[in-house]
């Protein structure tokens, strides 16, 4: 059974999101060992997903949150690359549409919750509604401040209904974000992702840091915790996230349902 290095962030504790916290821990294995273990965890995750899909009783929701350039897309590609696409959903939460704005802020999120037997991946999430709205103030503080409790209650409801939630905050340093944004501009396969607005958001680094720190403090719980992932190095980021996911699914221990005796009686009779 995989033993994860990352510990869940404790409830009610405000972290200090320093640049140092974005660096990989010093006790990780070397590159060849880490790559081999990542491949082994990919294979193990594939087997656990198949059992979860056959069981059809529970679901897993993986939330990836973080600043621009933190690696949400890269983590999705590397950690989940062997999954059966029929049993996984990926939802990117961009700027709300007119239809989404006409409903409560959790409406679009609830629609994307994975069904029983599925693994769901959120690229950003409902947590945007205590981040962007806080920094840019499209709604009054008296409204968004209530949302911490809303979110915890919403996640508790999901957990009661059989959805296991893993929330990862992919934490990068300011210098690493600058390097990655510049890399986007130099790469035709990536520069379409860049917008002038990205620089405006970067200028609000300290404001977002304060918002992220309070989000982690107020919405991490013993049942639905956040994991703060050092994300300055891609390989170690993916390795640490994989460990937590595989460990969680192993602990869930999904089982294939027993076959119908009538079906088993057909063995050797098919012509």
C-alpha atoms as a PDB file:
ATOM      1  CA  UNK A   1       0.000   0.000   0.000  1.00  0.00           C
ATOM      2  CA  UNK A   2       1.293   3.473  -0.908  1.00  0.00           C
ATOM      3  CA  UNK A   3       2.218   5.695   2.035  1.00  0.00           C
ATOM      4  CA  UNK A   4       1.955   9.370   1.011  1.00  0.00           C
ATOM      5  CA  UNK A   5       4.574  11.916   1.986  1.00  0.00           C
ATOM      6  CA  UNK A   6       2.116  14.819   2.007  1.00  0.00           C
ATOM      7  CA  UNK A   7       0.001  15.316   5.110  1.00  0.00           C
ATOM      8  CA  UNK A   8      -3.454  16.913   4.946  1.00  0.00           C
ATOM      9  CA  UNK A   9      -3.590  20.554   5.941  1.00  0.00           C
ATOM     10  CA  UNK A  10      -5.143  20.834   9.412  1.00  0.00           C
ATOM     11  CA  UNK A  11      -8.534  22.437   9.889  1.00  0.00           C
ATOM     12  CA  UNK A  12      -8.545  26.021  11.163  1.00  0.00           C
ATOM     13  CA  UNK A  13      -4.831  26.660  10.602  1.00  0.00           C
ATOM     14  CA  UNK A  14      -3.757  29.461   8.278  1.00  0.00           C
ATOM     15  CA  UNK A  15      -0.660  28.483   6.265  1.00  0.00           C
ATOM     16  CA  UNK A  16       2.058  30.870   5.239  1.00  0.00           C
ATOM     17  CA  UNK A  17       2.426  30.441   1.485  1.00  0.00           C
ATOM     18  CA  UNK A  18       6.078  31.350   1.161  1.00  0.00           C
ATOM     19  CA  UNK A  19       8.212  30.703  -1.910  1.00  0.00           C
ATOM     20  CA  UNK A  20      10.170  28.161   0.130  1.00  0.00           C
ATOM     21  CA  UNK A  21       6.994  26.111   0.574  1.00  0.00           C
ATOM     22  CA  UNK A  22       6.866  25.688  -3.225  1.00  0.00           C
ATOM     23  CA  UNK A  23      10.148  23.745  -3.249  1.00  0.00           C
ATOM     24  CA  UNK A  24      10.049  19.917  -3.248  1.00  0.00           C
ATOM     25  CA  UNK A  25      10.774  18.233   0.095  1.00  0.00           C
ATOM     26  CA  UNK A  26      14.366  17.103   0.419  1.00  0.00           C
ATOM     27  CA  UNK A  27      13.654  13.426   1.133  1.00  0.00           C
ATOM     28  CA  UNK A  28      12.170  12.495  -2.245  1.00  0.00           C
ATOM     29  CA  UNK A  29      13.726   9.652  -4.273  1.00  0.00           C
ATOM     30  CA  UNK A  30      15.975  10.435  -7.229  1.00  0.00           C
ATOM     31  CA  UNK A  31      14.657  10.963 -10.769  1.00  0.00           C
ATOM     32  CA  UNK A  32      14.883   7.324 -12.026  1.00  0.00           C
ATOM     33  CA  UNK A  33      13.224   5.915  -8.887  1.00  0.00           C
ATOM     34  CA  UNK A  34      10.563   8.599  -8.892  1.00  0.00           C
ATOM     35  CA  UNK A  35       9.727   7.934 -12.553  1.00  0.00           C
ATOM     36  CA  UNK A  36       9.499   4.184 -11.930  1.00  0.00           C
ATOM     37  CA  UNK A  37       7.244   4.711  -8.926  1.00  0.00           C
ATOM     38  CA  UNK A  38       5.071   7.145 -10.885  1.00  0.00           C
ATOM     39  CA  UNK A  39       4.605   4.520 -13.597  1.00  0.00           C
ATOM     40  CA  UNK A  40       3.748   1.894 -10.977  1.00  0.00           C
ATOM     41  CA  UNK A  41       1.189   4.229  -9.395  1.00  0.00           C
ATOM     42  CA  UNK A  42      -0.328   4.948 -12.822  1.00  0.00           C
ATOM     43  CA  UNK A  43      -0.824   1.217 -13.263  1.00  0.00           C
ATOM     44  CA  UNK A  44      -2.234   0.798  -9.768  1.00  0.00           C
ATOM     45  CA  UNK A  45      -4.612   3.728 -10.291  1.00  0.00           C
ATOM     46  CA  UNK A  46      -5.867   2.133 -13.501  1.00  0.00           C
ATOM     47  CA  UNK A  47      -6.736  -1.082 -11.633  1.00  0.00           C
ATOM     48  CA  UNK A  48      -8.410   0.768  -8.760  1.00  0.00           C
ATOM     49  CA  UNK A  49     -10.454   2.865 -11.187  1.00  0.00           C
ATOM     50  CA  UNK A  50     -11.717  -0.283 -12.913  1.00  0.00           C
ATOM     51  CA  UNK A  51     -12.874  -1.747  -9.601  1.00  0.00           C
ATOM     52  CA  UNK A  52     -14.507   1.551  -8.569  1.00  0.00           C
ATOM     53  CA  UNK A  53     -16.354   1.679 -11.887  1.00  0.00           C
ATOM     54  CA  UNK A  54     -17.579  -1.897 -11.551  1.00  0.00           C
ATOM     55  CA  UNK A  55     -18.623  -1.390  -7.937  1.00  0.00           C
ATOM     56  CA  UNK A  56     -20.847   1.613  -8.825  1.00  0.00           C
ATOM     57  CA  UNK A  57     -21.330   2.630  -5.177  1.00  0.00           C
ATOM     58  CA  UNK A  58     -18.924   5.520  -4.619  1.00  0.00           C
ATOM     59  CA  UNK A  59     -17.104   8.277  -6.496  1.00  0.00           C
ATOM     60  CA  UNK A  60     -13.815  10.148  -6.192  1.00  0.00           C
ATOM     61  CA  UNK A  61     -13.531  13.893  -6.799  1.00  0.00           C
ATOM     62  CA  UNK A  62     -10.051  15.390  -7.273  1.00  0.00           C
ATOM     63  CA  UNK A  63      -9.828  19.194  -7.035  1.00  0.00           C
ATOM     64  CA  UNK A  64      -6.778  20.950  -8.519  1.00  0.00           C
ATOM     65  CA  UNK A  65      -6.511  24.586  -7.469  1.00  0.00           C
ATOM     66  CA  UNK A  66      -3.705  27.108  -7.831  1.00  0.00           C
ATOM     67  CA  UNK A  67      -2.318  30.145  -9.581  1.00  0.00           C
ATOM     68  CA  UNK A  68      -1.817  30.446 -13.336  1.00  0.00           C
ATOM     69  CA  UNK A  69       1.081  28.230 -14.383  1.00  0.00           C
ATOM     70  CA  UNK A  70       0.952  25.966 -11.322  1.00  0.00           C
ATOM     71  CA  UNK A  71       0.481  22.861 -13.492  1.00  0.00           C
ATOM     72  CA  UNK A  72      -3.168  21.858 -13.226  1.00  0.00           C
ATOM     73  CA  UNK A  73      -3.213  20.618 -16.835  1.00  0.00           C
ATOM     74  CA  UNK A  74       0.174  18.921 -16.518  1.00  0.00           C
ATOM     75  CA  UNK A  75      -0.850  17.137 -13.329  1.00  0.00           C
ATOM     76  CA  UNK A  76      -4.008  15.891 -15.006  1.00  0.00           C
ATOM     77  CA  UNK A  77      -2.047  14.532 -17.980  1.00  0.00           C
ATOM     78  CA  UNK A  78       0.679  12.819 -15.949  1.00  0.00           C
ATOM     79  CA  UNK A  79      -1.260  11.443 -12.978  1.00  0.00           C
ATOM     80  CA  UNK A  80      -4.361  10.246 -14.828  1.00  0.00           C
ATOM     81  CA  UNK A  81      -2.879   9.269 -18.191  1.00  0.00           C
ATOM     82  CA  UNK A  82      -3.805   5.569 -17.918  1.00  0.00           C
ATOM     83  CA  UNK A  83      -7.379   6.009 -16.778  1.00  0.00           C
ATOM     84  CA  UNK A  84     -10.293   4.619 -18.763  1.00  0.00           C
ATOM     85  CA  UNK A  85     -11.878   7.768 -20.287  1.00  0.00           C
ATOM     86  CA  UNK A  86     -15.330   6.182 -19.983  1.00  0.00           C
ATOM     87  CA  UNK A  87     -15.002   6.306 -16.192  1.00  0.00           C
ATOM     88  CA  UNK A  88     -13.511   9.774 -15.725  1.00  0.00           C
ATOM     89  CA  UNK A  89     -14.754  13.355 -16.164  1.00  0.00           C
ATOM     90  CA  UNK A  90     -12.617  16.506 -16.328  1.00  0.00           C
ATOM     91  CA  UNK A  91     -14.243  19.886 -15.714  1.00  0.00           C
ATOM     92  CA  UNK A  92     -12.512  23.221 -16.291  1.00  0.00           C
ATOM     93  CA  UNK A  93     -14.133  26.042 -14.345  1.00  0.00           C
ATOM     94  CA  UNK A  94     -13.612  29.182 -16.377  1.00  0.00           C
ATOM     95  CA  UNK A  95     -15.378  32.537 -16.117  1.00  0.00           C
ATOM     96  CA  UNK A  96     -19.088  31.806 -15.440  1.00  0.00           C
ATOM     97  CA  UNK A  97     -21.464  31.961 -18.385  1.00  0.00           C
ATOM     98  CA  UNK A  98     -24.609  34.057 -18.424  1.00  0.00           C
ATOM     99  CA  UNK A  99     -26.647  30.934 -17.637  1.00  0.00           C
ATOM    100  CA  UNK A 100     -24.389  29.998 -14.715  1.00  0.00           C
ATOM    101  CA  UNK A 101     -24.529  33.510 -13.275  1.00  0.00           C
ATOM    102  CA  UNK A 102     -28.326  33.341 -13.335  1.00  0.00           C
ATOM    103  CA  UNK A 103     -28.168  30.499 -10.767  1.00  0.00           C
ATOM    104  CA  UNK A 104     -26.571  30.229  -7.346  1.00  0.00           C
ATOM    105  CA  UNK A 105     -22.772  29.968  -7.439  1.00  0.00           C
ATOM    106  CA  UNK A 106     -22.711  26.250  -6.591  1.00  0.00           C
ATOM    107  CA  UNK A 107     -25.151  25.295  -9.343  1.00  0.00           C
ATOM    108  CA  UNK A 108     -22.552  24.716 -12.043  1.00  0.00           C
ATOM    109  CA  UNK A 109     -20.371  22.791  -9.602  1.00  0.00           C
ATOM    110  CA  UNK A 110     -23.094  20.411  -8.482  1.00  0.00           C
ATOM    111  CA  UNK A 111     -23.804  19.557 -12.106  1.00  0.00           C
ATOM    112  CA  UNK A 112     -20.197  18.429 -12.521  1.00  0.00           C
ATOM    113  CA  UNK A 113     -19.939  16.151  -9.468  1.00  0.00           C
ATOM    114  CA  UNK A 114     -18.913  12.647 -10.630  1.00  0.00           C
ATOM    115  CA  UNK A 115     -21.559   9.943 -10.590  1.00  0.00           C
ATOM    116  CA  UNK A 116     -21.087   6.769  -8.572  1.00  0.00           C
ATOM    117  CA  UNK A 117     -18.370   4.645 -10.128  1.00  0.00           C
ATOM    118  CA  UNK A 118     -16.605   7.664 -11.638  1.00  0.00           C
ATOM    119  CA  UNK A 119     -13.505   9.704 -10.951  1.00  0.00           C
ATOM    120  CA  UNK A 120     -14.043  13.431 -11.442  1.00  0.00           C
ATOM    121  CA  UNK A 121     -11.243  15.982 -11.874  1.00  0.00           C
ATOM    122  CA  UNK A 122     -11.838  19.690 -11.303  1.00  0.00           C
ATOM    123  CA  UNK A 123      -9.437  22.170 -12.929  1.00  0.00           C
ATOM    124  CA  UNK A 124     -10.213  25.042 -10.566  1.00  0.00           C
ATOM    125  CA  UNK A 125     -13.436  24.686  -8.606  1.00  0.00           C
ATOM    126  CA  UNK A 126     -16.133  26.256  -6.445  1.00  0.00           C
ATOM    127  CA  UNK A 127     -13.277  27.766  -4.422  1.00  0.00           C
ATOM    128  CA  UNK A 128     -12.929  30.440  -7.108  1.00  0.00           C
ATOM    129  CA  UNK A 129     -15.907  32.061  -5.413  1.00  0.00           C
ATOM    130  CA  UNK A 130     -13.804  33.049  -2.407  1.00  0.00           C
ATOM    131  CA  UNK A 131     -10.748  33.884  -4.516  1.00  0.00           C
ATOM    132  CA  UNK A 132     -11.506  35.885  -7.661  1.00  0.00           C
ATOM    133  CA  UNK A 133     -14.583  37.497  -6.112  1.00  0.00           C
ATOM    134  CA  UNK A 134     -12.515  38.514  -3.107  1.00  0.00           C
ATOM    135  CA  UNK A 135      -9.670  40.040  -5.101  1.00  0.00           C
ATOM    136  CA  UNK A 136     -11.820  41.779  -7.722  1.00  0.00           C
ATOM    137  CA  UNK A 137     -14.877  42.502  -5.550  1.00  0.00           C
ATOM    138  CA  UNK A 138     -17.755  41.777  -7.970  1.00  0.00           C
ATOM    139  CA  UNK A 139     -19.864  40.833  -4.932  1.00  0.00           C
ATOM    140  CA  UNK A 140     -19.849  42.384  -1.452  1.00  0.00           C
ATOM    141  CA  UNK A 141     -17.630  40.894   1.250  1.00  0.00           C
ATOM    142  CA  UNK A 142     -20.690  40.205   3.394  1.00  0.00           C
ATOM    143  CA  UNK A 143     -21.814  37.721   0.705  1.00  0.00           C
ATOM    144  CA  UNK A 144     -18.567  35.920  -0.177  1.00  0.00           C
ATOM    145  CA  UNK A 145     -17.516  35.554   3.473  1.00  0.00           C
ATOM    146  CA  UNK A 146     -20.507  33.256   4.068  1.00  0.00           C
ATOM    147  CA  UNK A 147     -19.286  30.957   1.318  1.00  0.00           C
ATOM    148  CA  UNK A 148     -16.567  29.289   3.398  1.00  0.00           C
ATOM    149  CA  UNK A 149     -19.273  27.684   5.515  1.00  0.00           C
ATOM    150  CA  UNK A 150     -21.410  26.970   2.424  1.00  0.00           C
ATOM    151  CA  UNK A 151     -18.524  25.117   0.795  1.00  0.00           C
ATOM    152  CA  UNK A 152     -17.738  23.009   3.824  1.00  0.00           C
ATOM    153  CA  UNK A 153     -21.407  22.071   4.184  1.00  0.00           C
ATOM    154  CA  UNK A 154     -21.634  21.276   0.453  1.00  0.00           C
ATOM    155  CA  UNK A 155     -18.593  19.007   0.649  1.00  0.00           C
ATOM    156  CA  UNK A 156     -19.955  17.318   3.768  1.00  0.00           C
ATOM    157  CA  UNK A 157     -23.165  16.566   1.862  1.00  0.00           C
ATOM    158  CA  UNK A 158     -21.188  15.045  -1.000  1.00  0.00           C
ATOM    159  CA  UNK A 159     -19.139  12.930   1.419  1.00  0.00           C
ATOM    160  CA  UNK A 160     -22.330  11.685   3.077  1.00  0.00           C
ATOM    161  CA  UNK A 161     -23.542  10.646  -0.354  1.00  0.00           C
ATOM    162  CA  UNK A 162     -20.437   8.574  -1.116  1.00  0.00           C
ATOM    163  CA  UNK A 163     -18.151  11.103  -2.842  1.00  0.00           C
ATOM    164  CA  UNK A 164     -14.599  11.086  -1.508  1.00  0.00           C
ATOM    165  CA  UNK A 165     -13.001  14.500  -2.078  1.00  0.00           C
ATOM    166  CA  UNK A 166      -9.275  15.185  -2.474  1.00  0.00           C
ATOM    167  CA  UNK A 167      -8.315  18.857  -2.750  1.00  0.00           C
ATOM    168  CA  UNK A 168      -4.844  19.813  -3.941  1.00  0.00           C
ATOM    169  CA  UNK A 169      -3.473  23.345  -3.825  1.00  0.00           C
ATOM    170  CA  UNK A 170      -0.573  23.407  -6.305  1.00  0.00           C
ATOM    171  CA  UNK A 171       1.734  26.024  -4.826  1.00  0.00           C
ATOM    172  CA  UNK A 172       4.359  27.734  -6.995  1.00  0.00           C
ATOM    173  CA  UNK A 173       6.746  30.557  -6.224  1.00  0.00           C
ATOM    174  CA  UNK A 174       6.555  33.964  -7.852  1.00  0.00           C
ATOM    175  CA  UNK A 175       9.827  33.447  -9.735  1.00  0.00           C
ATOM    176  CA  UNK A 176       8.685  30.075 -11.073  1.00  0.00           C
ATOM    177  CA  UNK A 177       5.409  31.537 -12.280  1.00  0.00           C
ATOM    178  CA  UNK A 178       7.345  34.271 -14.130  1.00  0.00           C
ATOM    179  CA  UNK A 179       9.540  31.635 -15.781  1.00  0.00           C
ATOM    180  CA  UNK A 180       6.533  29.593 -16.877  1.00  0.00           C
ATOM    181  CA  UNK A 181       4.641  32.602 -18.221  1.00  0.00           C
ATOM    182  CA  UNK A 182       7.692  33.601 -20.261  1.00  0.00           C
ATOM    183  CA  UNK A 183       7.977  30.018 -21.512  1.00  0.00           C
ATOM    184  CA  UNK A 184       4.399  30.218 -22.752  1.00  0.00           C
ATOM    185  CA  UNK A 185       5.240  33.276 -24.822  1.00  0.00           C
ATOM    186  CA  UNK A 186       8.176  31.471 -26.445  1.00  0.00           C
ATOM    187  CA  UNK A 187       6.258  28.275 -27.295  1.00  0.00           C
ATOM    188  CA  UNK A 188       3.671  28.318 -30.132  1.00  0.00           C
ATOM    189  CA  UNK A 189       2.004  25.300 -28.524  1.00  0.00           C
ATOM    190  CA  UNK A 190       1.471  27.292 -25.322  1.00  0.00           C
ATOM    191  CA  UNK A 191       1.355  31.006 -26.139  1.00  0.00           C
ATOM    192  CA  UNK A 192      -2.326  30.809 -27.077  1.00  0.00           C
ATOM    193  CA  UNK A 193      -2.945  30.286 -23.343  1.00  0.00           C
ATOM    194  CA  UNK A 194      -1.403  33.643 -22.484  1.00  0.00           C
ATOM    195  CA  UNK A 195      -3.474  36.788 -22.170  1.00  0.00           C
ATOM    196  CA  UNK A 196      -2.680  40.329 -21.124  1.00  0.00           C
ATOM    197  CA  UNK A 197      -4.985  39.723 -18.178  1.00  0.00           C
ATOM    198  CA  UNK A 198      -2.503  37.161 -16.822  1.00  0.00           C
ATOM    199  CA  UNK A 199      -0.103  40.019 -16.063  1.00  0.00           C
ATOM    200  CA  UNK A 200      -2.857  41.917 -14.276  1.00  0.00           C
ATOM    201  CA  UNK A 201      -3.538  38.908 -12.079  1.00  0.00           C
ATOM    202  CA  UNK A 202       0.174  38.501 -11.377  1.00  0.00           C
ATOM    203  CA  UNK A 203       0.316  42.110 -10.192  1.00  0.00           C
ATOM    204  CA  UNK A 204      -2.190  41.092  -7.502  1.00  0.00           C
ATOM    205  CA  UNK A 205       0.090  38.328  -6.172  1.00  0.00           C
ATOM    206  CA  UNK A 206      -0.110  39.423  -2.529  1.00  0.00           C
ATOM    207  CA  UNK A 207      -3.878  39.836  -2.675  1.00  0.00           C
ATOM    208  CA  UNK A 208      -4.275  36.312  -4.015  1.00  0.00           C
ATOM    209  CA  UNK A 209      -1.816  34.966  -1.444  1.00  0.00           C
ATOM    210  CA  UNK A 210      -4.014  36.326   1.340  1.00  0.00           C
ATOM    211  CA  UNK A 211      -7.116  34.875  -0.326  1.00  0.00           C
ATOM    212  CA  UNK A 212      -5.524  31.434  -0.777  1.00  0.00           C
ATOM    213  CA  UNK A 213      -4.289  31.346   2.803  1.00  0.00           C
ATOM    214  CA  UNK A 214      -7.728  32.070   4.230  1.00  0.00           C
ATOM    215  CA  UNK A 215      -9.366  29.606   1.837  1.00  0.00           C
ATOM    216  CA  UNK A 216      -7.031  26.844   3.038  1.00  0.00           C
ATOM    217  CA  UNK A 217      -7.658  27.793   6.654  1.00  0.00           C
ATOM    218  CA  UNK A 218     -11.433  28.014   6.390  1.00  0.00           C
ATOM    219  CA  UNK A 219     -12.281  25.153   4.002  1.00  0.00           C
ATOM    220  CA  UNK A 220      -9.896  22.389   5.016  1.00  0.00           C
ATOM    221  CA  UNK A 221     -11.554  19.843   7.302  1.00  0.00           C
ATOM    222  CA  UNK A 222     -10.672  16.492   8.800  1.00  0.00           C
ATOM    223  CA  UNK A 223     -13.037  14.793   6.364  1.00  0.00           C
ATOM    224  CA  UNK A 224     -12.354  16.895   3.265  1.00  0.00           C
ATOM    225  CA  UNK A 225      -8.843  18.306   3.721  1.00  0.00           C
ATOM    226  CA  UNK A 226      -6.611  20.322   1.470  1.00  0.00           C
ATOM    227  CA  UNK A 227      -3.150  19.111   0.527  1.00  0.00           C
ATOM    228  CA  UNK A 228      -0.586  21.862  -0.133  1.00  0.00           C
ATOM    229  CA  UNK A 229       1.609  20.537  -2.944  1.00  0.00           C
ATOM    230  CA  UNK A 230       5.061  22.042  -3.634  1.00  0.00           C
ATOM    231  CA  UNK A 231       4.704  22.636  -7.380  1.00  0.00           C
ATOM    232  CA  UNK A 232       7.902  24.354  -8.537  1.00  0.00           C
ATOM    233  CA  UNK A 233       9.111  21.001  -9.937  1.00  0.00           C
ATOM    234  CA  UNK A 234       6.691  19.076 -12.138  1.00  0.00           C
ATOM    235  CA  UNK A 235       7.901  15.536 -11.480  1.00  0.00           C
ATOM    236  CA  UNK A 236       7.828  15.824  -7.696  1.00  0.00           C
ATOM    237  CA  UNK A 237       4.444  17.579  -7.852  1.00  0.00           C
ATOM    238  CA  UNK A 238       2.937  14.703  -9.841  1.00  0.00           C
ATOM    239  CA  UNK A 239       4.616  12.119  -7.627  1.00  0.00           C
ATOM    240  CA  UNK A 240       3.222  13.643  -4.427  1.00  0.00           C
ATOM    241  CA  UNK A 241      -0.297  14.000  -5.843  1.00  0.00           C
ATOM    242  CA  UNK A 242      -0.251  10.419  -7.172  1.00  0.00           C
ATOM    243  CA  UNK A 243       0.719   9.061  -3.775  1.00  0.00           C
ATOM    244  CA  UNK A 244      -2.272  10.661  -2.064  1.00  0.00           C
ATOM    245  CA  UNK A 245      -4.747   9.555  -4.739  1.00  0.00           C
ATOM    246  CA  UNK A 246      -3.575   5.940  -4.877  1.00  0.00           C
ATOM    247  CA  UNK A 247      -3.429   5.718  -1.074  1.00  0.00           C
ATOM    248  CA  UNK A 248      -6.979   7.083  -0.817  1.00  0.00           C
ATOM    249  CA  UNK A 249      -8.371   4.645  -3.369  1.00  0.00           C
ATOM    250  CA  UNK A 250      -6.544   1.750  -1.731  1.00  0.00           C
ATOM    251  CA  UNK A 251      -8.118   2.783   1.556  1.00  0.00           C
ATOM    252  CA  UNK A 252     -11.547   2.945  -0.131  1.00  0.00           C
ATOM    253  CA  UNK A 253     -10.841  -0.622  -1.336  1.00  0.00           C
ATOM    254  CA  UNK A 254     -13.334  -0.809  -4.227  1.00  0.00           C
ATOM    255  CA  UNK A 255     -14.427  -4.365  -5.012  1.00  0.00           C
ATOM    256  CA  UNK A 256     -15.788  -6.044  -8.110  1.00  0.00           C
ATOM    257  CA  UNK A 257     -19.353  -7.202  -7.499  1.00  0.00           C
ATOM    258  CA  UNK A 258     -19.954 -10.944  -7.446  1.00  0.00           C
ATOM    259  CA  UNK A 259     -21.216 -12.430 -10.702  1.00  0.00           C
ATOM    260  CA  UNK A 260     -24.789 -13.632 -11.005  1.00  0.00           C
ATOM    261  CA  UNK A 261     -24.859 -17.430 -10.463  1.00  0.00           C
ATOM    262  CA  UNK A 262     -27.054 -17.776 -13.553  1.00  0.00           C
ATOM    263  CA  UNK A 263     -24.367 -16.042 -15.577  1.00  0.00           C
ATOM    264  CA  UNK A 264     -21.606 -18.258 -14.183  1.00  0.00           C
ATOM    265  CA  UNK A 265     -23.683 -21.313 -15.073  1.00  0.00           C
ATOM    266  CA  UNK A 266     -23.257 -20.356 -18.745  1.00  0.00           C
ATOM    267  CA  UNK A 267     -19.527 -21.140 -18.686  1.00  0.00           C
ATOM    268  CA  UNK A 268     -18.686 -23.684 -21.351  1.00  0.00           C
ATOM    269  CA  UNK A 269     -22.083 -23.412 -23.033  1.00  0.00           C
ATOM    270  CA  UNK A 270     -21.458 -20.490 -25.407  1.00  0.00           C
ATOM    271  CA  UNK A 271     -21.430 -21.590 -29.054  1.00  0.00           C
END
